[in-house]
PDB file of N, CA and C in Angstrom:
ATOM      1  N   MET A   1     -43.673 -56.414 257.749  1.00  0.00           N
ATOM      2  CA  MET A   1     -44.557 -57.412 257.171  1.00  0.00           C
ATOM      3  C   MET A   1     -45.777 -56.748 256.525  1.00  0.00           C
ATOM      4  N   ALA A   2     -46.347 -55.777 257.217  1.00  0.00           N
ATOM      5  CA  ALA A   2     -47.510 -55.082 256.660  1.00  0.00           C
ATOM      6  C   ALA A   2     -47.127 -54.319 255.405  1.00  0.00           C
ATOM      7  N   GLU A   3     -45.905 -53.746 255.380  1.00  0.00           N
ATOM      8  CA  GLU A   3     -45.450 -53.025 254.196  1.00  0.00           C
ATOM      9  C   GLU A   3     -45.346 -53.949 252.995  1.00  0.00           C
ATOM     10  N   GLU A   4     -44.888 -55.185 253.196  1.00  0.00           N
ATOM     11  CA  GLU A   4     -44.780 -56.142 252.100  1.00  0.00           C
ATOM     12  C   GLU A   4     -46.151 -56.477 251.546  1.00  0.00           C
ATOM     13  N   GLN A   5     -47.143 -56.626 252.405  1.00  0.00           N
ATOM     14  CA  GLN A   5     -48.493 -56.926 251.943  1.00  0.00           C
ATOM     15  C   GLN A   5     -49.060 -55.740 251.171  1.00  0.00           C
ATOM     16  N   ASP A   6     -48.823 -54.521 251.668  1.00  0.00           N
ATOM     17  CA  ASP A   6     -49.303 -53.338 250.958  1.00  0.00           C
ATOM     18  C   ASP A   6     -48.682 -53.247 249.573  1.00  0.00           C
ATOM     19  N   PHE A   7     -47.378 -53.502 249.479  1.00  0.00           N
ATOM     20  CA  PHE A   7     -46.694 -53.468 248.193  1.00  0.00           C
ATOM     21  C   PHE A   7     -47.278 -54.512 247.251  1.00  0.00           C
ATOM     22  N   ALA A   8     -47.522 -55.719 247.752  1.00  0.00           N
ATOM     23  CA  ALA A   8     -48.094 -56.784 246.927  1.00  0.00           C
ATOM     24  C   ALA A   8     -49.465 -56.387 246.406  1.00  0.00           C
ATOM     25  N   GLN A   9     -50.245 -55.716 247.230  1.00  0.00           N
ATOM     26  CA  GLN A   9     -51.568 -55.291 246.783  1.00  0.00           C
ATOM     27  C   GLN A   9     -51.456 -54.175 245.747  1.00  0.00           C
ATOM     28  N   LEU A  10     -50.537 -53.237 245.965  1.00  0.00           N
ATOM     29  CA  LEU A  10     -50.361 -52.150 245.003  1.00  0.00           C
ATOM     30  C   LEU A  10     -49.916 -52.661 243.646  1.00  0.00           C
ATOM     31  N   CYS A  11     -49.041 -53.627 243.647  1.00  0.00           N
ATOM     32  CA  CYS A  11     -48.502 -54.155 242.394  1.00  0.00           C
ATOM     33  C   CYS A  11     -49.292 -55.342 241.881  1.00  0.00           C
ATOM     34  N   ARG A  12     -50.327 -55.712 242.573  1.00  0.00           N
ATOM     35  CA  ARG A  12     -51.179 -56.836 242.190  1.00  0.00           C
ATOM     36  C   ARG A  12     -50.391 -58.132 242.048  1.00  0.00           C
ATOM     37  N   LEU A  13     -49.471 -58.342 242.974  1.00  0.00           N
ATOM     38  CA  LEU A  13     -48.733 -59.598 242.979  1.00  0.00           C
ATOM     39  C   LEU A  13     -49.611 -60.677 243.579  1.00  0.00           C
ATOM     40  N   PRO A  14     -49.664 -61.856 242.973  1.00  0.00           N
ATOM     41  CA  PRO A  14     -50.456 -62.926 243.569  1.00  0.00           C
ATOM     42  C   PRO A  14     -49.841 -63.347 244.897  1.00  0.00           C
ATOM     43  N   THR A  15     -50.710 -63.665 245.857  1.00  0.00           N
ATOM     44  CA  THR A  15     -50.209 -64.079 247.165  1.00  0.00           C
ATOM     45  C   THR A  15     -49.817 -65.544 247.172  1.00  0.00           C
ATOM     46  N   GLN A  16     -50.304 -66.304 246.229  1.00  0.00           N
ATOM     47  CA  GLN A  16     -49.944 -67.712 246.120  1.00  0.00           C
ATOM     48  C   GLN A  16     -49.387 -67.957 244.723  1.00  0.00           C
ATOM     49  N   PRO A  17     -48.371 -68.785 244.606  1.00  0.00           N
ATOM     50  CA  PRO A  17     -47.799 -69.049 243.279  1.00  0.00           C
ATOM     51  C   PRO A  17     -48.591 -70.078 242.494  1.00  0.00           C
ATOM     52  N   SER A  18     -49.936 -69.991 242.539  1.00  0.00           N
ATOM     53  CA  SER A  18     -50.749 -71.005 241.885  1.00  0.00           C
ATOM     54  C   SER A  18     -50.621 -70.958 240.366  1.00  0.00           C
ATOM     55  N   HIS A  19     -50.350 -69.790 239.807  1.00  0.00           N
ATOM     56  CA  HIS A  19     -50.224 -69.658 238.359  1.00  0.00           C
ATOM     57  C   HIS A  19     -48.786 -69.356 237.959  1.00  0.00           C
ATOM     58  N   SER A  20     -47.866 -69.825 238.727  1.00  0.00           N
ATOM     59  CA  SER A  20     -46.470 -69.559 238.427  1.00  0.00           C
ATOM     60  C   SER A  20     -45.657 -70.823 238.637  1.00  0.00           C
ATOM     61  N   HIS A  21     -44.393 -70.715 238.322  1.00  0.00           N
ATOM     62  CA  HIS A  21     -43.480 -71.839 238.470  1.00  0.00           C
ATOM     63  C   HIS A  21     -42.390 -71.447 239.453  1.00  0.00           C
ATOM     64  N   CYS A  22     -42.090 -72.333 240.388  1.00  0.00           N
ATOM     65  CA  CYS A  22     -40.990 -72.080 241.309  1.00  0.00           C
ATOM     66  C   CYS A  22     -39.793 -72.889 240.840  1.00  0.00           C
ATOM     67  N   VAL A  23     -38.720 -72.203 240.539  1.00  0.00           N
ATOM     68  CA  VAL A  23     -37.501 -72.845 240.078  1.00  0.00           C
ATOM     69  C   VAL A  23     -36.375 -72.364 240.980  1.00  0.00           C
ATOM     70  N   ASN A  24     -35.714 -73.300 241.667  1.00  0.00           N
ATOM     71  CA  ASN A  24     -34.612 -72.936 242.564  1.00  0.00           C
ATOM     72  C   ASN A  24     -35.001 -71.811 243.515  1.00  0.00           C
ATOM     73  N   ASN A  25     -36.189 -71.893 244.068  1.00  0.00           N
ATOM     74  CA  ASN A  25     -36.698 -70.894 245.004  1.00  0.00           C
ATOM     75  C   ASN A  25     -36.835 -69.511 244.385  1.00  0.00           C
ATOM     76  N   THR A  26     -36.971 -69.441 243.101  1.00  0.00           N
ATOM     77  CA  THR A  26     -37.189 -68.176 242.414  1.00  0.00           C
ATOM     78  C   THR A  26     -38.639 -68.118 241.970  1.00  0.00           C
ATOM     79  N   TYR A  27     -39.321 -67.065 242.356  1.00  0.00           N
ATOM     80  CA  TYR A  27     -40.711 -66.894 241.954  1.00  0.00           C
ATOM     81  C   TYR A  27     -40.742 -66.366 240.532  1.00  0.00           C
ATOM     82  N   ARG A  28     -41.498 -67.024 239.683  1.00  0.00           N
ATOM     83  CA  ARG A  28     -41.619 -66.604 238.296  1.00  0.00           C
ATOM     84  C   ARG A  28     -43.106 -66.482 237.973  1.00  0.00           C
ATOM     85  N   SER A  29     -43.541 -65.291 237.688  1.00  0.00           N
ATOM     86  CA  SER A  29     -44.947 -65.044 237.398  1.00  0.00           C
ATOM     87  C   SER A  29     -45.231 -65.292 235.926  1.00  0.00           C
ATOM     88  N   THR A  30     -46.294 -66.004 235.666  1.00  0.00           N
ATOM     89  CA  THR A  30     -46.723 -66.208 234.283  1.00  0.00           C
ATOM     90  C   THR A  30     -47.684 -65.105 233.840  1.00  0.00           C
ATOM     91  N   GLN A  31     -48.026 -64.220 234.757  1.00  0.00           N
ATOM     92  CA  GLN A  31     -48.983 -63.156 234.454  1.00  0.00           C
ATOM     93  C   GLN A  31     -48.320 -61.792 234.304  1.00  0.00           C
ATOM     94  N   HIS A  32     -47.084 -61.684 234.726  1.00  0.00           N
ATOM     95  CA  HIS A  32     -46.431 -60.374 234.770  1.00  0.00           C
ATOM     96  C   HIS A  32     -46.299 -59.729 233.389  1.00  0.00           C
ATOM     97  N   SER A  33     -45.882 -60.483 232.398  1.00  0.00           N
ATOM     98  CA  SER A  33     -45.666 -59.884 231.075  1.00  0.00           C
ATOM     99  C   SER A  33     -46.967 -59.351 230.486  1.00  0.00           C
ATOM    100  N   GLN A  34     -48.057 -60.072 230.671  1.00  0.00           N
ATOM    101  CA  GLN A  34     -49.339 -59.581 230.165  1.00  0.00           C
ATOM    102  C   GLN A  34     -49.810 -58.366 230.952  1.00  0.00           C
ATOM    103  N   ALA A  35     -49.573 -58.367 232.273  1.00  0.00           N
ATOM    104  CA  ALA A  35     -49.939 -57.206 233.086  1.00  0.00           C
ATOM    105  C   ALA A  35     -49.114 -55.988 232.677  1.00  0.00           C
ATOM    106  N   LEU A  36     -47.854 -56.204 232.366  1.00  0.00           N
ATOM    107  CA  LEU A  36     -46.985 -55.119 231.917  1.00  0.00           C
ATOM    108  C   LEU A  36     -47.494 -54.532 230.600  1.00  0.00           C
ATOM    109  N   LEU A  37     -47.850 -55.398 229.661  1.00  0.00           N
ATOM    110  CA  LEU A  37     -48.392 -54.919 228.387  1.00  0.00           C
ATOM    111  C   LEU A  37     -49.693 -54.153 228.595  1.00  0.00           C
ATOM    112  N   ARG A  38     -50.565 -54.668 229.467  1.00  0.00           N
ATOM    113  CA  ARG A  38     -51.822 -53.958 229.740  1.00  0.00           C
ATOM    114  C   ARG A  38     -51.539 -52.576 230.329  1.00  0.00           C
ATOM    115  N   GLY A  39     -50.548 -52.498 231.207  1.00  0.00           N
ATOM    116  CA  GLY A  39     -50.190 -51.209 231.798  1.00  0.00           C
ATOM    117  C   GLY A  39     -49.649 -50.240 230.769  1.00  0.00           C
ATOM    118  N   LEU A  40     -48.804 -50.723 229.877  1.00  0.00           N
ATOM    119  CA  LEU A  40     -48.259 -49.864 228.824  1.00  0.00           C
ATOM    120  C   LEU A  40     -49.351 -49.412 227.861  1.00  0.00           C
ATOM    121  N   LEU A  41     -50.268 -50.312 227.551  1.00  0.00           N
ATOM    122  CA  LEU A  41     -51.388 -49.941 226.684  1.00  0.00           C
ATOM    123  C   LEU A  41     -52.263 -48.890 227.368  1.00  0.00           C
ATOM    124  N   ALA A  42     -52.465 -49.033 228.673  1.00  0.00           N
ATOM    125  CA  ALA A  42     -53.250 -48.042 229.415  1.00  0.00           C
ATOM    126  C   ALA A  42     -52.564 -46.677 229.379  1.00  0.00           C
ATOM    127  N   LEU A  43     -51.236 -46.661 229.504  1.00  0.00           N
ATOM    128  CA  LEU A  43     -50.502 -45.397 229.385  1.00  0.00           C
ATOM    129  C   LEU A  43     -50.689 -44.799 227.998  1.00  0.00           C
ATOM    130  N   ARG A  44     -50.625 -45.648 226.985  1.00  0.00           N
ATOM    131  CA  ARG A  44     -50.805 -45.171 225.607  1.00  0.00           C
ATOM    132  C   ARG A  44     -52.210 -44.618 225.406  1.00  0.00           C
ATOM    133  N   ASP A  45     -53.207 -45.381 225.861  1.00  0.00           N
ATOM    134  CA  ASP A  45     -54.595 -44.951 225.695  1.00  0.00           C
ATOM    135  C   ASP A  45     -54.886 -43.651 226.445  1.00  0.00           C
ATOM    136  N   SER A  46     -54.174 -43.431 227.554  1.00  0.00           N
ATOM    137  CA  SER A  46     -54.360 -42.221 228.357  1.00  0.00           C
ATOM    138  C   SER A  46     -53.474 -41.066 227.898  1.00  0.00           C
ATOM    139  N   GLY A  47     -52.572 -41.335 226.956  1.00  0.00           N
ATOM    140  CA  GLY A  47     -51.679 -40.294 226.468  1.00  0.00           C
ATOM    141  C   GLY A  47     -50.629 -39.873 227.480  1.00  0.00           C
ATOM    142  N   ILE A  48     -50.178 -40.825 228.288  1.00  0.00           N
ATOM    143  CA  ILE A  48     -49.245 -40.524 229.378  1.00  0.00           C
ATOM    144  C   ILE A  48     -47.838 -41.022 229.048  1.00  0.00           C
ATOM    145  N   LEU A  49     -46.844 -40.195 229.350  1.00  0.00           N
ATOM    146  CA  LEU A  49     -45.416 -40.528 229.284  1.00  0.00           C
ATOM    147  C   LEU A  49     -44.881 -40.798 227.877  1.00  0.00           C
ATOM    148  N   PHE A  50     -45.551 -40.311 226.852  1.00  0.00           N
ATOM    149  CA  PHE A  50     -44.995 -40.439 225.508  1.00  0.00           C
ATOM    150  C   PHE A  50     -43.681 -39.671 225.437  1.00  0.00           C
ATOM    151  N   ASP A  51     -42.706 -40.210 224.715  1.00  0.00           N
ATOM    152  CA  ASP A  51     -41.439 -39.502 224.579  1.00  0.00           C
ATOM    153  C   ASP A  51     -40.935 -39.460 223.142  1.00  0.00           C
ATOM    154  N   VAL A  52     -41.754 -39.915 222.203  1.00  0.00           N
ATOM    155  CA  VAL A  52     -41.379 -39.834 220.798  1.00  0.00           C
ATOM    156  C   VAL A  52     -42.652 -39.739 219.958  1.00  0.00           C
ATOM    157  N   VAL A  53     -42.536 -39.028 218.849  1.00  0.00           N
ATOM    158  CA  VAL A  53     -43.624 -38.947 217.877  1.00  0.00           C
ATOM    159  C   VAL A  53     -43.093 -39.511 216.572  1.00  0.00           C
ATOM    160  N   LEU A  54     -43.757 -40.546 216.081  1.00  0.00           N
ATOM    161  CA  LEU A  54     -43.416 -41.117 214.780  1.00  0.00           C
ATOM    162  C   LEU A  54     -44.244 -40.378 213.734  1.00  0.00           C
ATOM    163  N   VAL A  55     -43.595 -39.916 212.689  1.00  0.00           N
ATOM    164  CA  VAL A  55     -44.289 -39.211 211.614  1.00  0.00           C
ATOM    165  C   VAL A  55     -44.278 -40.130 210.401  1.00  0.00           C
ATOM    166  N   VAL A  56     -45.475 -40.594 210.039  1.00  0.00           N
ATOM    167  CA  VAL A  56     -45.631 -41.543 208.940  1.00  0.00           C
ATOM    168  C   VAL A  56     -46.657 -40.969 207.970  1.00  0.00           C
ATOM    169  N   GLU A  57     -46.241 -40.783 206.728  1.00  0.00           N
ATOM    170  CA  GLU A  57     -47.112 -40.194 205.708  1.00  0.00           C
ATOM    171  C   GLU A  57     -47.699 -38.867 206.184  1.00  0.00           C
ATOM    172  N   GLY A  58     -46.902 -38.090 206.920  1.00  0.00           N
ATOM    173  CA  GLY A  58     -47.334 -36.788 207.407  1.00  0.00           C
ATOM    174  C   GLY A  58     -48.237 -36.825 208.630  1.00  0.00           C
ATOM    175  N   LYS A  59     -48.557 -38.006 209.128  1.00  0.00           N
ATOM    176  CA  LYS A  59     -49.422 -38.145 210.303  1.00  0.00           C
ATOM    177  C   LYS A  59     -48.565 -38.487 211.518  1.00  0.00           C
ATOM    178  N   HIS A  60     -49.000 -38.003 212.679  1.00  0.00           N
ATOM    179  CA  HIS A  60     -48.241 -38.169 213.912  1.00  0.00           C
ATOM    180  C   HIS A  60     -48.803 -39.309 214.768  1.00  0.00           C
ATOM    181  N   ILE A  61     -47.888 -40.129 215.285  1.00  0.00           N
ATOM    182  CA  ILE A  61     -48.247 -41.220 216.193  1.00  0.00           C
ATOM    183  C   ILE A  61     -47.329 -41.119 217.410  1.00  0.00           C
ATOM    184  N   GLU A  62     -47.908 -40.894 218.580  1.00  0.00           N
ATOM    185  CA  GLU A  62     -47.116 -40.825 219.804  1.00  0.00           C
ATOM    186  C   GLU A  62     -46.838 -42.234 220.318  1.00  0.00           C
ATOM    187  N   ALA A  63     -45.666 -42.401 220.930  1.00  0.00           N
ATOM    188  CA  ALA A  63     -45.276 -43.729 221.410  1.00  0.00           C
ATOM    189  C   ALA A  63     -44.262 -43.602 222.542  1.00  0.00           C
ATOM    190  N   HIS A  64     -43.930 -44.743 223.107  1.00  0.00           N
ATOM    191  CA  HIS A  64     -42.933 -44.851 224.172  1.00  0.00           C
ATOM    192  C   HIS A  64     -41.670 -45.467 223.580  1.00  0.00           C
ATOM    193  N   ARG A  65     -40.638 -44.670 223.503  1.00  0.00           N
ATOM    194  CA  ARG A  65     -39.371 -45.060 222.883  1.00  0.00           C
ATOM    195  C   ARG A  65     -38.828 -46.374 223.457  1.00  0.00           C
ATOM    196  N   ILE A  66     -38.870 -46.540 224.773  1.00  0.00           N
ATOM    197  CA  ILE A  66     -38.289 -47.726 225.400  1.00  0.00           C
ATOM    198  C   ILE A  66     -39.022 -48.996 224.974  1.00  0.00           C
ATOM    199  N   LEU A  67     -40.342 -48.910 224.837  1.00  0.00           N
ATOM    200  CA  LEU A  67     -41.104 -50.083 224.409  1.00  0.00           C
ATOM    201  C   LEU A  67     -40.805 -50.415 222.952  1.00  0.00           C
ATOM    202  N   LEU A  68     -40.706 -49.405 222.113  1.00  0.00           N
ATOM    203  CA  LEU A  68     -40.371 -49.648 220.710  1.00  0.00           C
ATOM    204  C   LEU A  68     -38.998 -50.306 220.598  1.00  0.00           C
ATOM    205  N   ALA A  69     -38.023 -49.782 221.332  1.00  0.00           N
ATOM    206  CA  ALA A  69     -36.663 -50.328 221.276  1.00  0.00           C
ATOM    207  C   ALA A  69     -36.598 -51.741 221.838  1.00  0.00           C
ATOM    208  N   ALA A  70     -37.361 -52.011 222.868  1.00  0.00           N
ATOM    209  CA  ALA A  70     -37.347 -53.345 223.471  1.00  0.00           C
ATOM    210  C   ALA A  70     -38.056 -54.375 222.602  1.00  0.00           C
ATOM    211  N   SER A  71     -38.959 -53.916 221.751  1.00  0.00           N
ATOM    212  CA  SER A  71     -39.801 -54.833 220.982  1.00  0.00           C
ATOM    213  C   SER A  71     -39.334 -55.087 219.561  1.00  0.00           C
ATOM    214  N   CYS A  72     -38.467 -54.242 219.031  1.00  0.00           N
ATOM    215  CA  CYS A  72     -38.190 -54.296 217.599  1.00  0.00           C
ATOM    216  C   CYS A  72     -36.742 -53.891 217.315  1.00  0.00           C
ATOM    217  N   ASP A  73     -36.018 -54.742 216.607  1.00  0.00           N
ATOM    218  CA  ASP A  73     -34.620 -54.450 216.270  1.00  0.00           C
ATOM    219  C   ASP A  73     -34.478 -53.141 215.492  1.00  0.00           C
ATOM    220  N   TYR A  74     -35.420 -52.856 214.611  1.00  0.00           N
ATOM    221  CA  TYR A  74     -35.388 -51.612 213.829  1.00  0.00           C
ATOM    222  C   TYR A  74     -35.368 -50.400 214.759  1.00  0.00           C
ATOM    223  N   PHE A  75     -36.307 -50.374 215.717  1.00  0.00           N
ATOM    224  CA  PHE A  75     -36.373 -49.257 216.650  1.00  0.00           C
ATOM    225  C   PHE A  75     -35.214 -49.282 217.646  1.00  0.00           C
ATOM    226  N   ARG A  76     -34.743 -50.454 218.017  1.00  0.00           N
ATOM    227  CA  ARG A  76     -33.594 -50.543 218.922  1.00  0.00           C
ATOM    228  C   ARG A  76     -32.373 -49.890 218.282  1.00  0.00           C
ATOM    229  N   GLY A  77     -32.151 -50.195 217.014  1.00  0.00           N
ATOM    230  CA  GLY A  77     -31.043 -49.565 216.306  1.00  0.00           C
ATOM    231  C   GLY A  77     -31.213 -48.062 216.211  1.00  0.00           C
ATOM    232  N   MET A  78     -32.442 -47.631 215.993  1.00  0.00           N
ATOM    233  CA  MET A  78     -32.740 -46.215 215.841  1.00  0.00           C
ATOM    234  C   MET A  78     -32.560 -45.448 217.154  1.00  0.00           C
ATOM    235  N   PHE A  79     -33.058 -46.017 218.253  1.00  0.00           N
ATOM    236  CA  PHE A  79     -33.092 -45.289 219.519  1.00  0.00           C
ATOM    237  C   PHE A  79     -31.952 -45.629 220.474  1.00  0.00           C
ATOM    238  N   ALA A  80     -31.231 -46.713 220.224  1.00  0.00           N
ATOM    239  CA  ALA A  80     -30.156 -47.108 221.141  1.00  0.00           C
ATOM    240  C   ALA A  80     -28.842 -47.351 220.416  1.00  0.00           C
ATOM    241  N   GLY A  81     -28.816 -47.099 219.121  1.00  0.00           N
ATOM    242  CA  GLY A  81     -27.630 -47.415 218.340  1.00  0.00           C
ATOM    243  C   GLY A  81     -26.776 -46.225 217.949  1.00  0.00           C
ATOM    244  N   GLY A  82     -26.987 -45.095 218.594  1.00  0.00           N
ATOM    245  CA  GLY A  82     -26.158 -43.934 218.300  1.00  0.00           C
ATOM    246  C   GLY A  82     -26.614 -43.117 217.104  1.00  0.00           C
ATOM    247  N   LEU A  83     -27.794 -43.381 216.590  1.00  0.00           N
ATOM    248  CA  LEU A  83     -28.299 -42.621 215.445  1.00  0.00           C
ATOM    249  C   LEU A  83     -28.890 -41.290 215.910  1.00  0.00           C
ATOM    250  N   LYS A  84     -29.083 -40.378 214.976  1.00  0.00           N
ATOM    251  CA  LYS A  84     -29.601 -39.045 215.312  1.00  0.00           C
ATOM    252  C   LYS A  84     -30.996 -39.112 215.930  1.00  0.00           C
ATOM    253  N   GLU A  85     -31.748 -40.167 215.626  1.00  0.00           N
ATOM    254  CA  GLU A  85     -33.112 -40.309 216.143  1.00  0.00           C
ATOM    255  C   GLU A  85     -33.152 -40.445 217.666  1.00  0.00           C
ATOM    256  N   MET A  86     -32.013 -40.801 218.268  1.00  0.00           N
ATOM    257  CA  MET A  86     -31.961 -40.927 219.730  1.00  0.00           C
ATOM    258  C   MET A  86     -32.348 -39.621 220.414  1.00  0.00           C
ATOM    259  N   GLU A  87     -32.032 -38.500 219.793  1.00  0.00           N
ATOM    260  CA  GLU A  87     -32.249 -37.185 220.403  1.00  0.00           C
ATOM    261  C   GLU A  87     -33.478 -36.468 219.854  1.00  0.00           C
ATOM    262  N   GLN A  88     -34.050 -36.970 218.780  1.00  0.00           N
ATOM    263  CA  GLN A  88     -35.168 -36.277 218.139  1.00  0.00           C
ATOM    264  C   GLN A  88     -36.486 -36.576 218.845  1.00  0.00           C
ATOM    265  N   GLU A  89     -37.314 -35.551 218.972  1.00  0.00           N
ATOM    266  CA  GLU A  89     -38.651 -35.747 219.526  1.00  0.00           C
ATOM    267  C   GLU A  89     -39.600 -36.289 218.466  1.00  0.00           C
ATOM    268  N   GLU A  90     -39.403 -35.883 217.217  1.00  0.00           N
ATOM    269  CA  GLU A  90     -40.187 -36.390 216.092  1.00  0.00           C
ATOM    270  C   GLU A  90     -39.259 -37.153 215.166  1.00  0.00           C
ATOM    271  N   VAL A  91     -39.706 -38.347 214.773  1.00  0.00           N
ATOM    272  CA  VAL A  91     -38.891 -39.213 213.924  1.00  0.00           C
ATOM    273  C   VAL A  91     -39.685 -39.550 212.669  1.00  0.00           C
ATOM    274  N   LEU A  92     -39.117 -39.230 211.515  1.00  0.00           N
ATOM    275  CA  LEU A  92     -39.759 -39.570 210.246  1.00  0.00           C
ATOM    276  C   LEU A  92     -39.548 -41.048 209.951  1.00  0.00           C
ATOM    277  N   ILE A  93     -40.630 -41.735 209.610  1.00  0.00           N
ATOM    278  CA  ILE A  93     -40.576 -43.152 209.257  1.00  0.00           C
ATOM    279  C   ILE A  93     -40.924 -43.270 207.776  1.00  0.00           C
ATOM    280  N   HIS A  94     -40.046 -43.914 207.022  1.00  0.00           N
ATOM    281  CA  HIS A  94     -40.243 -44.079 205.580  1.00  0.00           C
ATOM    282  C   HIS A  94     -40.417 -45.559 205.255  1.00  0.00           C
ATOM    283  N   GLY A  95     -41.040 -45.827 204.125  1.00  0.00           N
ATOM    284  CA  GLY A  95     -41.126 -47.191 203.626  1.00  0.00           C
ATOM    285  C   GLY A  95     -42.231 -48.031 204.227  1.00  0.00           C
ATOM    286  N   VAL A  96     -43.114 -47.402 204.985  1.00  0.00           N
ATOM    287  CA  VAL A  96     -44.245 -48.124 205.565  1.00  0.00           C
ATOM    288  C   VAL A  96     -45.438 -47.170 205.577  1.00  0.00           C
ATOM    289  N   SER A  97     -46.611 -47.704 205.336  1.00  0.00           N
ATOM    290  CA  SER A  97     -47.800 -46.860 205.332  1.00  0.00           C
ATOM    291  C   SER A  97     -48.224 -46.534 206.765  1.00  0.00           C
ATOM    292  N   TYR A  98     -49.008 -45.486 206.893  1.00  0.00           N
ATOM    293  CA  TYR A  98     -49.533 -45.088 208.200  1.00  0.00           C
ATOM    294  C   TYR A  98     -50.342 -46.231 208.813  1.00  0.00           C
ATOM    295  N   ASN A  99     -51.210 -46.856 208.007  1.00  0.00           N
ATOM    296  CA  ASN A  99     -52.036 -47.956 208.523  1.00  0.00           C
ATOM    297  C   ASN A  99     -51.185 -49.131 208.974  1.00  0.00           C
ATOM    298  N   ALA A 100     -50.154 -49.457 208.207  1.00  0.00           N
ATOM    299  CA  ALA A 100     -49.272 -50.562 208.594  1.00  0.00           C
ATOM    300  C   ALA A 100     -48.540 -50.230 209.893  1.00  0.00           C
ATOM    301  N   MET A 101     -48.084 -48.983 210.049  1.00  0.00           N
ATOM    302  CA  MET A 101     -47.398 -48.598 211.285  1.00  0.00           C
ATOM    303  C   MET A 101     -48.350 -48.666 212.473  1.00  0.00           C
ATOM    304  N   CYS A 102     -49.585 -48.271 212.271  1.00  0.00           N
ATOM    305  CA  CYS A 102     -50.572 -48.393 213.351  1.00  0.00           C
ATOM    306  C   CYS A 102     -50.754 -49.851 213.754  1.00  0.00           C
ATOM    307  N   GLN A 103     -50.782 -50.754 212.775  1.00  0.00           N
ATOM    308  CA  GLN A 103     -50.896 -52.187 213.068  1.00  0.00           C
ATOM    309  C   GLN A 103     -49.657 -52.690 213.810  1.00  0.00           C
ATOM    310  N   ILE A 104     -48.484 -52.246 213.394  1.00  0.00           N
ATOM    311  CA  ILE A 104     -47.242 -52.654 214.056  1.00  0.00           C
ATOM    312  C   ILE A 104     -47.247 -52.185 215.508  1.00  0.00           C
ATOM    313  N   LEU A 105     -47.616 -50.933 215.730  1.00  0.00           N
ATOM    314  CA  LEU A 105     -47.652 -50.410 217.097  1.00  0.00           C
ATOM    315  C   LEU A 105     -48.707 -51.106 217.938  1.00  0.00           C
ATOM    316  N   HIS A 106     -49.840 -51.407 217.333  1.00  0.00           N
ATOM    317  CA  HIS A 106     -50.870 -52.150 218.062  1.00  0.00           C
ATOM    318  C   HIS A 106     -50.310 -53.499 218.512  1.00  0.00           C
ATOM    319  N   PHE A 107     -49.574 -54.160 217.648  1.00  0.00           N
ATOM    320  CA  PHE A 107     -48.964 -55.439 218.015  1.00  0.00           C
ATOM    321  C   PHE A 107     -47.948 -55.255 219.141  1.00  0.00           C
ATOM    322  N   ILE A 108     -47.110 -54.238 219.037  1.00  0.00           N
ATOM    323  CA  ILE A 108     -46.097 -53.996 220.070  1.00  0.00           C
ATOM    324  C   ILE A 108     -46.752 -53.778 221.429  1.00  0.00           C
ATOM    325  N   TYR A 109     -47.850 -53.050 221.461  1.00  0.00           N
ATOM    326  CA  TYR A 109     -48.511 -52.733 222.727  1.00  0.00           C
ATOM    327  C   TYR A 109     -49.449 -53.826 223.226  1.00  0.00           C
ATOM    328  N   THR A 110     -49.886 -54.738 222.364  1.00  0.00           N
ATOM    329  CA  THR A 110     -50.898 -55.720 222.790  1.00  0.00           C
ATOM    330  C   THR A 110     -50.526 -57.170 222.521  1.00  0.00           C
ATOM    331  N   SER A 111     -49.547 -57.416 221.678  1.00  0.00           N
ATOM    332  CA  SER A 111     -49.187 -58.743 221.159  1.00  0.00           C
ATOM    333  C   SER A 111     -50.328 -59.356 220.350  1.00  0.00           C
ATOM    334  N   GLU A 112     -51.180 -58.501 219.792  1.00  0.00           N
ATOM    335  CA  GLU A 112     -52.274 -58.939 218.928  1.00  0.00           C
ATOM    336  C   GLU A 112     -52.113 -58.289 217.559  1.00  0.00           C
ATOM    337  N   LEU A 113     -52.318 -59.076 216.520  1.00  0.00           N
ATOM    338  CA  LEU A 113     -52.206 -58.564 215.159  1.00  0.00           C
ATOM    339  C   LEU A 113     -53.450 -58.965 214.392  1.00  0.00           C
ATOM    340  N   GLU A 114     -54.160 -57.973 213.893  1.00  0.00           N
ATOM    341  CA  GLU A 114     -55.370 -58.231 213.118  1.00  0.00           C
ATOM    342  C   GLU A 114     -55.013 -58.239 211.641  1.00  0.00           C
ATOM    343  N   LEU A 115     -55.181 -59.380 211.014  1.00  0.00           N
ATOM    344  CA  LEU A 115     -54.896 -59.508 209.585  1.00  0.00           C
ATOM    345  C   LEU A 115     -56.199 -59.608 208.815  1.00  0.00           C
ATOM    346  N   SER A 116     -56.238 -58.910 207.695  1.00  0.00           N
ATOM    347  CA  SER A 116     -57.402 -58.971 206.817  1.00  0.00           C
ATOM    348  C   SER A 116     -56.901 -58.918 205.383  1.00  0.00           C
ATOM    349  N   LEU A 117     -57.789 -59.168 204.450  1.00  0.00           N
ATOM    350  CA  LEU A 117     -57.406 -59.095 203.045  1.00  0.00           C
ATOM    351  C   LEU A 117     -56.937 -57.691 202.673  1.00  0.00           C
ATOM    352  N   SER A 118     -57.478 -56.686 203.336  1.00  0.00           N
ATOM    353  CA  SER A 118     -57.113 -55.312 202.988  1.00  0.00           C
ATOM    354  C   SER A 118     -55.765 -54.881 203.569  1.00  0.00           C
ATOM    355  N   ASN A 119     -55.303 -55.499 204.660  1.00  0.00           N
ATOM    356  CA  ASN A 119     -54.045 -55.029 205.250  1.00  0.00           C
ATOM    357  C   ASN A 119     -52.892 -56.023 205.157  1.00  0.00           C
ATOM    358  N   VAL A 120     -53.138 -57.215 204.667  1.00  0.00           N
ATOM    359  CA  VAL A 120     -52.096 -58.244 204.687  1.00  0.00           C
ATOM    360  C   VAL A 120     -50.921 -57.896 203.770  1.00  0.00           C
ATOM    361  N   GLN A 121     -51.162 -57.136 202.716  1.00  0.00           N
ATOM    362  CA  GLN A 121     -50.077 -56.790 201.798  1.00  0.00           C
ATOM    363  C   GLN A 121     -49.294 -55.565 202.242  1.00  0.00           C
ATOM    364  N   GLU A 122     -49.810 -54.828 203.220  1.00  0.00           N
ATOM    365  CA  GLU A 122     -49.094 -53.652 203.722  1.00  0.00           C
ATOM    366  C   GLU A 122     -47.937 -54.127 204.548  1.00  0.00           C
TER     367      GLU A 122
END
């Protein structure tokens, strides 16, 4: 019993399902997906566990392959579809500007997209 409480505290699981829905005795957290994104963003900000470098317009952007593949059909095809990029540490990205790719990655890691007159056409 004490081990379960320790695990809940380590993983920041709520002790009461006040912000969740119980369906057929299944606990469903409404906060988990946002906590997961915050954790992935923290890994990115800390430079931890990167496993791919995207090269866009000659500039390097480190990222987490699994998150890219889970978030975007383009990257899923690239990293899980048997293409050569599955094995490459550096992947050249064509047809998108560096700034646009930074915006795309920001969205993947945060679910936030900042649009302005200067970037909307990218």
